[in-house]
Amino acid sequence: MWDVLEHRRVSRKLDRLPLEVLKRYEKWKDIVRISGPEGLRLIKGFHDEALRGEWKGHRSSRLGLQYRVLYRIVAQEVLVKVIDLTAHDYRRK
């Protein structure tokens, strides 16, 4: 079993997400908890991929045409840290 830790910024954004994206995010978390990040790669609809540049070390999964979940894997702790839910804008703020 994997743990999913959400940044406090993510919990504030959940109320403003469209219902379809929120349902898909909950399904994403279920998959991660049960089978880890490897399970995400088996489902083509999430388009799970490693990021480059200043986001190196992070991964991205598609929650819809516009929304992405950005996360980082901490393998030593069997932990997935969700950094942000974004409308496909990877610039740091």
PDB file of N, CA and C in Angstrom:
ATOM      1  N   MET A   1       0.831  -1.198   0.000  1.00  0.00           N
ATOM      2  CA  MET A   1       0.000   0.000   0.000  1.00  0.00           C
ATOM      3  C   MET A   1       0.872   1.257   0.000  1.00  0.00           C
ATOM      4  N   TRP A   2       0.550   2.161  -0.855  1.00  0.00           N
ATOM      5  CA  TRP A   2       1.236   3.447  -0.955  1.00  0.00           C
ATOM      6  C   TRP A   2       0.419   4.507  -0.223  1.00  0.00           C
ATOM      7  N   ASP A   3       1.090   5.493   0.314  1.00  0.00           N
ATOM      8  CA  ASP A   3       0.422   6.649   0.920  1.00  0.00           C
ATOM      9  C   ASP A   3       0.445   7.800  -0.075  1.00  0.00           C
ATOM     10  N   VAL A   4      -0.625   8.571  -0.103  1.00  0.00           N
ATOM     11  CA  VAL A   4      -0.707   9.758  -0.953  1.00  0.00           C
ATOM     12  C   VAL A   4      -0.798  10.964  -0.033  1.00  0.00           C
ATOM     13  N   LEU A   5       0.197  11.815  -0.081  1.00  0.00           N
ATOM     14  CA  LEU A   5       0.253  13.023   0.728  1.00  0.00           C
ATOM     15  C   LEU A   5      -0.001  14.219  -0.174  1.00  0.00           C
ATOM     16  N   GLU A   6      -0.979  15.043   0.166  1.00  0.00           N
ATOM     17  CA  GLU A   6      -1.325  16.211  -0.648  1.00  0.00           C
ATOM     18  C   GLU A   6      -0.788  17.481  -0.011  1.00  0.00           C
ATOM     19  N   HIS A   7      -0.237  18.340  -0.819  1.00  0.00           N
ATOM     20  CA  HIS A   7       0.190  19.663  -0.371  1.00  0.00           C
ATOM     21  C   HIS A   7      -1.056  20.447   0.034  1.00  0.00           C
ATOM     22  N   ARG A   8      -0.938  21.353   0.984  1.00  0.00           N
ATOM     23  CA  ARG A   8      -2.115  22.112   1.444  1.00  0.00           C
ATOM     24  C   ARG A   8      -2.730  22.955   0.335  1.00  0.00           C
ATOM     25  N   ARG A   9      -1.930  23.330  -0.641  1.00  0.00           N
ATOM     26  CA  ARG A   9      -2.428  24.088  -1.792  1.00  0.00           C
ATOM     27  C   ARG A   9      -3.425  23.251  -2.593  1.00  0.00           C
ATOM     28  N   VAL A  10      -3.188  21.937  -2.663  1.00  0.00           N
ATOM     29  CA  VAL A  10      -4.062  21.037  -3.417  1.00  0.00           C
ATOM     30  C   VAL A  10      -5.431  20.949  -2.750  1.00  0.00           C
ATOM     31  N   SER A  11      -5.456  20.805  -1.433  1.00  0.00           N
ATOM     32  CA  SER A  11      -6.742  20.664  -0.750  1.00  0.00           C
ATOM     33  C   SER A  11      -7.613  21.911  -0.917  1.00  0.00           C
ATOM     34  N   ARG A  12      -7.000  23.070  -1.055  1.00  0.00           N
ATOM     35  CA  ARG A  12      -7.781  24.289  -1.286  1.00  0.00           C
ATOM     36  C   ARG A  12      -8.342  24.348  -2.705  1.00  0.00           C
ATOM     37  N   LYS A  13      -7.653  23.731  -3.662  1.00  0.00           N
ATOM     38  CA  LYS A  13      -8.104  23.756  -5.056  1.00  0.00           C
ATOM     39  C   LYS A  13      -9.214  22.745  -5.337  1.00  0.00           C
ATOM     40  N   LEU A  14      -9.353  21.735  -4.488  1.00  0.00           N
ATOM     41  CA  LEU A  14     -10.322  20.672  -4.755  1.00  0.00           C
ATOM     42  C   LEU A  14     -11.752  21.189  -4.848  1.00  0.00           C
ATOM     43  N   ASP A  15     -12.091  22.189  -4.055  1.00  0.00           N
ATOM     44  CA  ASP A  15     -13.466  22.726  -4.065  1.00  0.00           C
ATOM     45  C   ASP A  15     -13.807  23.424  -5.375  1.00  0.00           C
ATOM     46  N   ARG A  16     -12.797  23.921  -6.070  1.00  0.00           N
ATOM     47  CA  ARG A  16     -13.035  24.687  -7.301  1.00  0.00           C
ATOM     48  C   ARG A  16     -12.891  23.862  -8.575  1.00  0.00           C
ATOM     49  N   LEU A  17     -12.545  22.595  -8.448  1.00  0.00           N
ATOM     50  CA  LEU A  17     -12.368  21.755  -9.635  1.00  0.00           C
ATOM     51  C   LEU A  17     -13.713  21.345 -10.223  1.00  0.00           C
ATOM     52  N   PRO A  18     -13.774  21.168 -11.532  1.00  0.00           N
ATOM     53  CA  PRO A  18     -14.990  20.608 -12.136  1.00  0.00           C
ATOM     54  C   PRO A  18     -15.218  19.194 -11.596  1.00  0.00           C
ATOM     55  N   LEU A  19     -16.475  18.791 -11.502  1.00  0.00           N
ATOM     56  CA  LEU A  19     -16.839  17.504 -10.913  1.00  0.00           C
ATOM     57  C   LEU A  19     -16.161  16.339 -11.624  1.00  0.00           C
ATOM     58  N   GLU A  20     -16.088  16.378 -12.941  1.00  0.00           N
ATOM     59  CA  GLU A  20     -15.452  15.288 -13.699  1.00  0.00           C
ATOM     60  C   GLU A  20     -13.974  15.142 -13.325  1.00  0.00           C
ATOM     61  N   VAL A  21     -13.284  16.261 -13.186  1.00  0.00           N
ATOM     62  CA  VAL A  21     -11.862  16.228 -12.838  1.00  0.00           C
ATOM     63  C   VAL A  21     -11.694  15.726 -11.408  1.00  0.00           C
ATOM     64  N   LEU A  22     -12.570  16.151 -10.512  1.00  0.00           N
ATOM     65  CA  LEU A  22     -12.498  15.702  -9.120  1.00  0.00           C
ATOM     66  C   LEU A  22     -12.700  14.190  -9.012  1.00  0.00           C
ATOM     67  N   LYS A  23     -13.660  13.644  -9.759  1.00  0.00           N
ATOM     68  CA  LYS A  23     -13.886  12.190  -9.754  1.00  0.00           C
ATOM     69  C   LYS A  23     -12.670  11.453 -10.293  1.00  0.00           C
ATOM     70  N   ARG A  24     -12.087  11.980 -11.353  1.00  0.00           N
ATOM     71  CA  ARG A  24     -10.912  11.338 -11.944  1.00  0.00           C
ATOM     72  C   ARG A  24      -9.715  11.400 -10.999  1.00  0.00           C
ATOM     73  N   TYR A  25      -9.579  12.499 -10.256  1.00  0.00           N
ATOM     74  CA  TYR A  25      -8.496  12.629  -9.271  1.00  0.00           C
ATOM     75  C   TYR A  25      -8.671  11.607  -8.144  1.00  0.00           C
ATOM     76  N   GLU A  26      -9.894  11.421  -7.682  1.00  0.00           N
ATOM     77  CA  GLU A  26     -10.152  10.421  -6.639  1.00  0.00           C
ATOM     78  C   GLU A  26      -9.819   9.020  -7.153  1.00  0.00           C
ATOM     79  N   LYS A  27     -10.152   8.722  -8.400  1.00  0.00           N
ATOM     80  CA  LYS A  27      -9.803   7.433  -9.001  1.00  0.00           C
ATOM     81  C   LYS A  27      -8.287   7.299  -9.118  1.00  0.00           C
ATOM     82  N   TRP A  28      -7.610   8.381  -9.488  1.00  0.00           N
ATOM     83  CA  TRP A  28      -6.150   8.393  -9.581  1.00  0.00           C
ATOM     84  C   TRP A  28      -5.539   8.034  -8.227  1.00  0.00           C
ATOM     85  N   LYS A  29      -6.044   8.651  -7.148  1.00  0.00           N
ATOM     86  CA  LYS A  29      -5.530   8.359  -5.807  1.00  0.00           C
ATOM     87  C   LYS A  29      -5.768   6.908  -5.422  1.00  0.00           C
ATOM     88  N   ASP A  30      -6.934   6.358  -5.762  1.00  0.00           N
ATOM     89  CA  ASP A  30      -7.218   4.945  -5.463  1.00  0.00           C
ATOM     90  C   ASP A  30      -6.216   4.025  -6.150  1.00  0.00           C
ATOM     91  N   ILE A  31      -5.931   4.297  -7.414  1.00  0.00           N
ATOM     92  CA  ILE A  31      -4.984   3.468  -8.163  1.00  0.00           C
ATOM     93  C   ILE A  31      -3.596   3.553  -7.539  1.00  0.00           C
ATOM     94  N   VAL A  32      -3.169   4.755  -7.166  1.00  0.00           N
ATOM     95  CA  VAL A  32      -1.849   4.926  -6.561  1.00  0.00           C
ATOM     96  C   VAL A  32      -1.770   4.196  -5.221  1.00  0.00           C
ATOM     97  N   ARG A  33      -2.802   4.304  -4.411  1.00  0.00           N
ATOM     98  CA  ARG A  33      -2.788   3.637  -3.100  1.00  0.00           C
ATOM     99  C   ARG A  33      -2.680   2.118  -3.239  1.00  0.00           C
ATOM    100  N   ILE A  34      -3.370   1.563  -4.222  1.00  0.00           N
ATOM    101  CA  ILE A  34      -3.410   0.110  -4.368  1.00  0.00           C
ATOM    102  C   ILE A  34      -2.172  -0.435  -5.073  1.00  0.00           C
ATOM    103  N   SER A  35      -1.833   0.134  -6.241  1.00  0.00           N
ATOM    104  CA  SER A  35      -0.754  -0.460  -7.034  1.00  0.00           C
ATOM    105  C   SER A  35       0.445   0.458  -7.246  1.00  0.00           C
ATOM    106  N   GLY A  36       0.447   1.631  -6.648  1.00  0.00           N
ATOM    107  CA  GLY A  36       1.589   2.533  -6.776  1.00  0.00           C
ATOM    108  C   GLY A  36       1.664   3.191  -8.138  1.00  0.00           C
ATOM    109  N   PRO A  37       2.726   3.933  -8.375  1.00  0.00           N
ATOM    110  CA  PRO A  37       2.892   4.634  -9.651  1.00  0.00           C
ATOM    111  C   PRO A  37       2.965   3.701 -10.855  1.00  0.00           C
ATOM    112  N   GLU A  38       3.394   2.464 -10.649  1.00  0.00           N
ATOM    113  CA  GLU A  38       3.449   1.517 -11.760  1.00  0.00           C
ATOM    114  C   GLU A  38       2.053   1.242 -12.312  1.00  0.00           C
ATOM    115  N   GLY A  39       1.052   1.251 -11.450  1.00  0.00           N
ATOM    116  CA  GLY A  39      -0.322   1.037 -11.889  1.00  0.00           C
ATOM    117  C   GLY A  39      -0.823   2.141 -12.796  1.00  0.00           C
ATOM    118  N   LEU A  40      -0.346   3.368 -12.571  1.00  0.00           N
ATOM    119  CA  LEU A  40      -0.746   4.496 -13.424  1.00  0.00           C
ATOM    120  C   LEU A  40      -0.225   4.329 -14.842  1.00  0.00           C
ATOM    121  N   ARG A  41       0.960   3.769 -14.959  1.00  0.00           N
ATOM    122  CA  ARG A  41       1.557   3.611 -16.289  1.00  0.00           C
ATOM    123  C   ARG A  41       0.832   2.567 -17.118  1.00  0.00           C
ATOM    124  N   LEU A  42       0.107   1.680 -16.473  1.00  0.00           N
ATOM    125  CA  LEU A  42      -0.639   0.652 -17.191  1.00  0.00           C
ATOM    126  C   LEU A  42      -1.933   1.185 -17.795  1.00  0.00           C
ATOM    127  N   ILE A  43      -2.438   2.301 -17.265  1.00  0.00           N
ATOM    128  CA  ILE A  43      -3.684   2.890 -17.753  1.00  0.00           C
ATOM    129  C   ILE A  43      -3.322   4.036 -18.700  1.00  0.00           C
ATOM    130  N   LYS A  44      -3.538   3.840 -19.967  1.00  0.00           N
ATOM    131  CA  LYS A  44      -3.096   4.803 -20.978  1.00  0.00           C
ATOM    132  C   LYS A  44      -3.800   6.152 -20.878  1.00  0.00           C
ATOM    133  N   GLY A  45      -5.014   6.193 -20.336  1.00  0.00           N
ATOM    134  CA  GLY A  45      -5.769   7.439 -20.256  1.00  0.00           C
ATOM    135  C   GLY A  45      -5.133   8.491 -19.374  1.00  0.00           C
ATOM    136  N   PHE A  46      -4.297   8.092 -18.430  1.00  0.00           N
ATOM    137  CA  PHE A  46      -3.641   9.055 -17.544  1.00  0.00           C
ATOM    138  C   PHE A  46      -2.406   9.690 -18.185  1.00  0.00           C
ATOM    139  N   HIS A  47      -1.861   9.086 -19.233  1.00  0.00           N
ATOM    140  CA  HIS A  47      -0.660   9.616 -19.904  1.00  0.00           C
ATOM    141  C   HIS A  47       0.404  10.008 -18.882  1.00  0.00           C
ATOM    142  N   ASP A  48       0.696   9.116 -17.957  1.00  0.00           N
ATOM    143  CA  ASP A  48       1.678   9.375 -16.909  1.00  0.00           C
ATOM    144  C   ASP A  48       3.064   9.504 -17.524  1.00  0.00           C
ATOM    145  N   GLU A  49       3.797  10.579 -17.168  1.00  0.00           N
ATOM    146  CA  GLU A  49       5.105  10.815 -17.756  1.00  0.00           C
ATOM    147  C   GLU A  49       6.021  11.554 -16.796  1.00  0.00           C
ATOM    148  N   ALA A  50       7.307  11.344 -16.969  1.00  0.00           N
ATOM    149  CA  ALA A  50       8.313  12.074 -16.202  1.00  0.00           C
ATOM    150  C   ALA A  50       8.474  13.468 -16.813  1.00  0.00           C
ATOM    151  N   LEU A  51       8.726  14.445 -15.972  1.00  0.00           N
ATOM    152  CA  LEU A  51       8.904  15.815 -16.444  1.00  0.00           C
ATOM    153  C   LEU A  51      10.385  16.143 -16.541  1.00  0.00           C
ATOM    154  N   ARG A  52      10.708  17.146 -17.355  1.00  0.00           N
ATOM    155  CA  ARG A  52      12.094  17.557 -17.560  1.00  0.00           C
ATOM    156  C   ARG A  52      12.265  19.003 -17.144  1.00  0.00           C
ATOM    157  N   GLY A  53      13.487  19.488 -17.280  1.00  0.00           N
ATOM    158  CA  GLY A  53      13.776  20.884 -16.973  1.00  0.00           C
ATOM    159  C   GLY A  53      13.739  21.144 -15.482  1.00  0.00           C
ATOM    160  N   GLU A  54      13.134  22.253 -15.092  1.00  0.00           N
ATOM    161  CA  GLU A  54      13.103  22.593 -13.673  1.00  0.00           C
ATOM    162  C   GLU A  54      12.163  21.691 -12.876  1.00  0.00           C
ATOM    163  N   TRP A  55      11.337  20.903 -13.551  1.00  0.00           N
ATOM    164  CA  TRP A  55      10.457  19.943 -12.877  1.00  0.00           C
ATOM    165  C   TRP A  55      11.054  18.537 -12.861  1.00  0.00           C
ATOM    166  N   LYS A  56      12.336  18.417 -13.152  1.00  0.00           N
ATOM    167  CA  LYS A  56      12.993  17.102 -13.168  1.00  0.00           C
ATOM    168  C   LYS A  56      12.833  16.437 -11.794  1.00  0.00           C
ATOM    169  N   GLY A  57      12.488  15.161 -11.798  1.00  0.00           N
ATOM    170  CA  GLY A  57      12.249  14.436 -10.555  1.00  0.00           C
ATOM    171  C   GLY A  57      10.770  14.333 -10.217  1.00  0.00           C
ATOM    172  N   HIS A  58       9.939  15.079 -10.947  1.00  0.00           N
ATOM    173  CA  HIS A  58       8.492  15.045 -10.757  1.00  0.00           C
ATOM    174  C   HIS A  58       7.854  14.293 -11.922  1.00  0.00           C
ATOM    175  N   ARG A  59       6.601  13.910 -11.728  1.00  0.00           N
ATOM    176  CA  ARG A  59       5.836  13.231 -12.777  1.00  0.00           C
ATOM    177  C   ARG A  59       4.510  13.958 -12.961  1.00  0.00           C
ATOM    178  N   SER A  60       3.859  13.704 -14.079  1.00  0.00           N
ATOM    179  CA  SER A  60       2.580  14.324 -14.395  1.00  0.00           C
ATOM    180  C   SER A  60       1.626  13.255 -14.910  1.00  0.00           C
ATOM    181  N   SER A  61       0.363  13.351 -14.482  1.00  0.00           N
ATOM    182  CA  SER A  61      -0.688  12.481 -15.004  1.00  0.00           C
ATOM    183  C   SER A  61      -1.838  13.359 -15.466  1.00  0.00           C
ATOM    184  N   ARG A  62      -2.454  12.974 -16.562  1.00  0.00           N
ATOM    185  CA  ARG A  62      -3.554  13.733 -17.138  1.00  0.00           C
ATOM    186  C   ARG A  62      -4.860  13.369 -16.430  1.00  0.00           C
ATOM    187  N   LEU A  63      -5.597  14.393 -16.003  1.00  0.00           N
ATOM    188  CA  LEU A  63      -6.908  14.188 -15.392  1.00  0.00           C
ATOM    189  C   LEU A  63      -8.030  14.601 -16.325  1.00  0.00           C
ATOM    190  N   GLY A  64      -7.698  15.157 -17.447  1.00  0.00           N
ATOM    191  CA  GLY A  64      -8.655  15.611 -18.450  1.00  0.00           C
ATOM    192  C   GLY A  64      -7.864  16.300 -19.547  1.00  0.00           C
ATOM    193  N   LEU A  65      -8.547  16.932 -20.462  1.00  0.00           N
ATOM    194  CA  LEU A  65      -7.830  17.634 -21.522  1.00  0.00           C
ATOM    195  C   LEU A  65      -7.006  18.786 -20.980  1.00  0.00           C
ATOM    196  N   GLN A  66      -7.479  19.418 -19.918  1.00  0.00           N
ATOM    197  CA  GLN A  66      -6.815  20.605 -19.402  1.00  0.00           C
ATOM    198  C   GLN A  66      -6.061  20.363 -18.105  1.00  0.00           C
ATOM    199  N   TYR A  67      -6.561  19.516 -17.222  1.00  0.00           N
ATOM    200  CA  TYR A  67      -5.999  19.389 -15.878  1.00  0.00           C
ATOM    201  C   TYR A  67      -4.973  18.279 -15.763  1.00  0.00           C
ATOM    202  N   ARG A  68      -3.927  18.553 -14.985  1.00  0.00           N
ATOM    203  CA  ARG A  68      -2.871  17.593 -14.693  1.00  0.00           C
ATOM    204  C   ARG A  68      -2.662  17.533 -13.179  1.00  0.00           C
ATOM    205  N   VAL A  69      -2.187  16.384 -12.717  1.00  0.00           N
ATOM    206  CA  VAL A  69      -1.742  16.259 -11.339  1.00  0.00           C
ATOM    207  C   VAL A  69      -0.228  16.112 -11.389  1.00  0.00           C
ATOM    208  N   LEU A  70       0.476  16.946 -10.640  1.00  0.00           N
ATOM    209  CA  LEU A  70       1.928  16.906 -10.558  1.00  0.00           C
ATOM    210  C   LEU A  70       2.294  16.235  -9.250  1.00  0.00           C
ATOM    211  N   TYR A  71       3.207  15.265  -9.308  1.00  0.00           N
ATOM    212  CA  TYR A  71       3.561  14.552  -8.086  1.00  0.00           C
ATOM    213  C   TYR A  71       5.005  14.093  -8.135  1.00  0.00           C
ATOM    214  N   ARG A  72       5.490  13.686  -6.965  1.00  0.00           N
ATOM    215  CA  ARG A  72       6.850  13.197  -6.812  1.00  0.00           C
ATOM    216  C   ARG A  72       6.790  11.900  -6.031  1.00  0.00           C
ATOM    217  N   ILE A  73       7.618  10.935  -6.397  1.00  0.00           N
ATOM    218  CA  ILE A  73       7.641   9.631  -5.736  1.00  0.00           C
ATOM    219  C   ILE A  73       8.781   9.600  -4.733  1.00  0.00           C
ATOM    220  N   VAL A  74       8.463   9.204  -3.496  1.00  0.00           N
ATOM    221  CA  VAL A  74       9.479   8.999  -2.471  1.00  0.00           C
ATOM    222  C   VAL A  74       9.482   7.504  -2.185  1.00  0.00           C
ATOM    223  N   ALA A  75      10.365   6.767  -2.858  1.00  0.00           N
ATOM    224  CA  ALA A  75      10.348   5.302  -2.815  1.00  0.00           C
ATOM    225  C   ALA A  75      10.754   4.743  -1.459  1.00  0.00           C
ATOM    226  N   GLN A  76      11.641   5.411  -0.751  1.00  0.00           N
ATOM    227  CA  GLN A  76      12.091   4.893   0.526  1.00  0.00           C
ATOM    228  C   GLN A  76      10.953   4.845   1.545  1.00  0.00           C
ATOM    229  N   GLU A  77       9.988   5.742   1.414  1.00  0.00           N
ATOM    230  CA  GLU A  77       8.873   5.816   2.359  1.00  0.00           C
ATOM    231  C   GLU A  77       7.593   5.230   1.774  1.00  0.00           C
ATOM    232  N   VAL A  78       7.619   4.721   0.557  1.00  0.00           N
ATOM    233  CA  VAL A  78       6.433   4.241  -0.157  1.00  0.00           C
ATOM    234  C   VAL A  78       5.373   5.344  -0.101  1.00  0.00           C
ATOM    235  N   LEU A  79       5.749   6.509  -0.629  1.00  0.00           N
ATOM    236  CA  LEU A  79       4.941   7.716  -0.505  1.00  0.00           C
ATOM    237  C   LEU A  79       4.887   8.436  -1.841  1.00  0.00           C
ATOM    238  N   VAL A  80       3.715   8.956  -2.180  1.00  0.00           N
ATOM    239  CA  VAL A  80       3.543   9.800  -3.356  1.00  0.00           C
ATOM    240  C   VAL A  80       3.107  11.169  -2.860  1.00  0.00           C
ATOM    241  N   LYS A  81       3.904  12.199  -3.140  1.00  0.00           N
ATOM    242  CA  LYS A  81       3.585  13.561  -2.711  1.00  0.00           C
ATOM    243  C   LYS A  81       2.962  14.317  -3.879  1.00  0.00           C
ATOM    244  N   VAL A  82       1.697  14.676  -3.747  1.00  0.00           N
ATOM    245  CA  VAL A  82       1.013  15.454  -4.780  1.00  0.00           C
ATOM    246  C   VAL A  82       1.395  16.911  -4.576  1.00  0.00           C
ATOM    247  N   ILE A  83       2.047  17.493  -5.566  1.00  0.00           N
ATOM    248  CA  ILE A  83       2.530  18.860  -5.490  1.00  0.00           C
ATOM    249  C   ILE A  83       1.449  19.853  -5.875  1.00  0.00           C
ATOM    250  N   ASP A  84       0.717  19.572  -6.948  1.00  0.00           N
ATOM    251  CA  ASP A  84      -0.248  20.551  -7.441  1.00  0.00           C
ATOM    252  C   ASP A  84      -1.240  19.886  -8.382  1.00  0.00           C
ATOM    253  N   LEU A  85      -2.421  20.469  -8.451  1.00  0.00           N
ATOM    254  CA  LEU A  85      -3.405  20.169  -9.491  1.00  0.00           C
ATOM    255  C   LEU A  85      -3.476  21.432 -10.321  1.00  0.00           C
ATOM    256  N   THR A  86      -3.113  21.337 -11.561  1.00  0.00           N
ATOM    257  CA  THR A  86      -2.973  22.543 -12.351  1.00  0.00           C
ATOM    258  C   THR A  86      -3.713  22.436 -13.676  1.00  0.00           C
ATOM    259  N   ALA A  87      -4.075  23.581 -14.181  1.00  0.00           N
ATOM    260  CA  ALA A  87      -4.715  23.646 -15.492  1.00  0.00           C
ATOM    261  C   ALA A  87      -3.634  23.685 -16.565  1.00  0.00           C
ATOM    262  N   HIS A  88      -2.724  22.697 -16.534  1.00  0.00           N
ATOM    263  CA  HIS A  88      -1.664  22.502 -17.523  1.00  0.00           C
ATOM    264  C   HIS A  88      -0.757  23.703 -17.632  1.00  0.00           C
ATOM    265  N   ASP A  89      -0.304  24.220 -16.485  1.00  0.00           N
ATOM    266  CA  ASP A  89       0.640  25.326 -16.439  1.00  0.00           C
ATOM    267  C   ASP A  89       1.772  24.895 -15.512  1.00  0.00           C
ATOM    268  N   TYR A  90       2.910  24.494 -16.068  1.00  0.00           N
ATOM    269  CA  TYR A  90       3.983  23.922 -15.267  1.00  0.00           C
ATOM    270  C   TYR A  90       4.986  24.948 -14.756  1.00  0.00           C
ATOM    271  N   ARG A  91       4.751  26.216 -14.990  1.00  0.00           N
ATOM    272  CA  ARG A  91       5.692  27.223 -14.500  1.00  0.00           C
ATOM    273  C   ARG A  91       5.639  27.298 -12.987  1.00  0.00           C
ATOM    274  N   ARG A  92       6.792  27.431 -12.363  1.00  0.00           N
ATOM    275  CA  ARG A  92       6.835  27.571 -10.900  1.00  0.00           C
ATOM    276  C   ARG A  92       6.379  28.968 -10.539  1.00  0.00           C
ATOM    277  N   LYS A  93       5.738  29.044  -9.384  1.00  0.00           N
ATOM    278  CA  LYS A  93       5.219  30.342  -8.947  1.00  0.00           C
ATOM    279  C   LYS A  93       5.799  30.728  -7.618  1.00  0.00           C
TER     280      LYS A  93
END
